[in-house]
Amino acid sequence: MGKLQKIKEELQKLLLKYAVVKTNNGILEYDGEDLVAGMDVFVTDENGERVAAENGEYVTEDNKTITVADGKVESIVDP
């Protein structure tokens, strides 16, 4: 990845309003204020790049279960 591309990605991160939620499988990132079904969710990989979250279940600190499929929230279940 070139320097220009890295600068563009960093600027996008600063300009976009995104939020994070801590889970048992790391931090999920999403664009917007409220996380709802159908939204894209991301993680930061070992190279520092924002990539689609892997399929699976993510349990939050308040015990909500977020199911992710194809990089999108499939469901959010309260305990």
Protein backbone atom coordinates (compact mmCIF):
# COMPACT_ATOMS: atom_id res chain seq x y z
CA MET A 1 0.00 0.00 0.00
CA GLY A 2 1.37 3.37 -0.99
CA LYS A 3 1.74 6.40 1.22
CA LEU A 4 -1.07 8.23 -0.56
CA GLN A 5 -3.50 5.37 0.03
CA LYS A 6 -2.57 5.21 3.73
CA ILE A 7 -3.11 8.96 4.08
CA LYS A 8 -6.51 8.67 2.37
CA GLU A 9 -7.57 5.88 4.74
CA GLU A 10 -6.44 7.83 7.80
CA LEU A 11 -8.37 10.89 6.64
CA GLN A 12 -11.47 8.77 6.06
CA LYS A 13 -11.22 7.45 9.61
CA LEU A 14 -11.04 10.98 10.95
CA LEU A 15 -13.88 12.32 8.81
CA LEU A 16 -16.31 9.45 9.25
CA LYS A 17 -18.21 9.22 12.48
CA TYR A 18 -17.69 5.70 13.68
CA ALA A 19 -18.19 3.94 16.95
CA VAL A 20 -16.72 0.89 18.63
CA VAL A 21 -18.00 -1.86 20.86
CA LYS A 22 -15.76 -4.14 22.94
CA THR A 23 -16.47 -7.86 22.61
CA ASN A 24 -14.99 -11.17 23.67
CA ASN A 25 -13.40 -11.40 20.19
CA GLY A 26 -11.95 -7.90 20.06
CA ILE A 27 -13.29 -4.50 19.11
CA LEU A 28 -16.00 -4.14 16.47
CA GLU A 29 -16.16 -0.83 14.62
CA TYR A 30 -19.18 0.56 12.80
CA ASP A 31 -20.27 3.78 11.14
CA GLY A 32 -23.03 5.68 12.88
CA GLU A 33 -24.44 6.13 16.34
CA ASP A 34 -26.46 2.95 16.98
CA LEU A 35 -25.50 -0.56 15.98
CA VAL A 36 -28.44 -2.31 14.30
CA ALA A 37 -29.03 -5.39 12.17
CA GLY A 38 -27.89 -4.95 8.58
CA MET A 39 -25.01 -2.60 9.37
CA ASP A 40 -21.48 -3.23 8.18
CA VAL A 41 -19.04 -4.01 11.00
CA PHE A 42 -15.26 -3.90 10.87
CA VAL A 43 -12.14 -4.82 12.80
CA THR A 44 -8.63 -3.46 12.51
CA ASP A 45 -6.27 -6.15 11.25
CA GLU A 46 -2.62 -6.72 12.16
CA ASN A 47 -1.57 -4.27 9.41
CA GLY A 48 -3.70 -1.51 10.89
CA GLU A 49 -6.26 -1.73 8.09
CA ARG A 50 -10.00 -1.66 8.68
CA VAL A 51 -11.50 -4.87 7.28
CA ALA A 52 -14.90 -6.58 7.44
CA ALA A 53 -15.49 -8.47 10.68
CA GLU A 54 -15.34 -12.25 10.46
CA ASN A 55 -18.47 -14.38 10.67
CA GLY A 56 -19.41 -15.46 14.16
CA GLU A 57 -20.85 -14.41 17.47
CA TYR A 58 -19.44 -11.53 19.46
CA VAL A 59 -20.47 -11.07 23.11
CA THR A 60 -20.33 -7.50 24.44
CA GLU A 61 -19.38 -6.40 27.95
CA ASP A 62 -23.09 -6.11 28.80
CA ASN A 63 -23.69 -9.68 27.51
CA LYS A 64 -25.45 -8.81 24.25
CA THR A 65 -24.70 -11.30 21.48
CA ILE A 66 -23.96 -9.79 18.08
CA THR A 67 -24.08 -12.27 15.21
CA VAL A 68 -22.03 -11.27 12.16
CA ALA A 69 -22.36 -12.79 8.68
CA ASP A 70 -20.55 -11.53 5.59
CA GLY A 71 -19.30 -8.45 7.45
CA LYS A 72 -22.78 -7.34 8.47
CA VAL A 73 -24.73 -7.53 11.72
CA GLU A 74 -27.22 -10.35 11.32
CA SER A 75 -28.77 -9.98 14.77
CA ILE A 76 -28.31 -8.46 18.21
CA VAL A 77 -29.74 -10.41 21.13
CA ASP A 78 -30.06 -9.03 24.64
CA PRO A 79 -29.28 -11.43 27.51
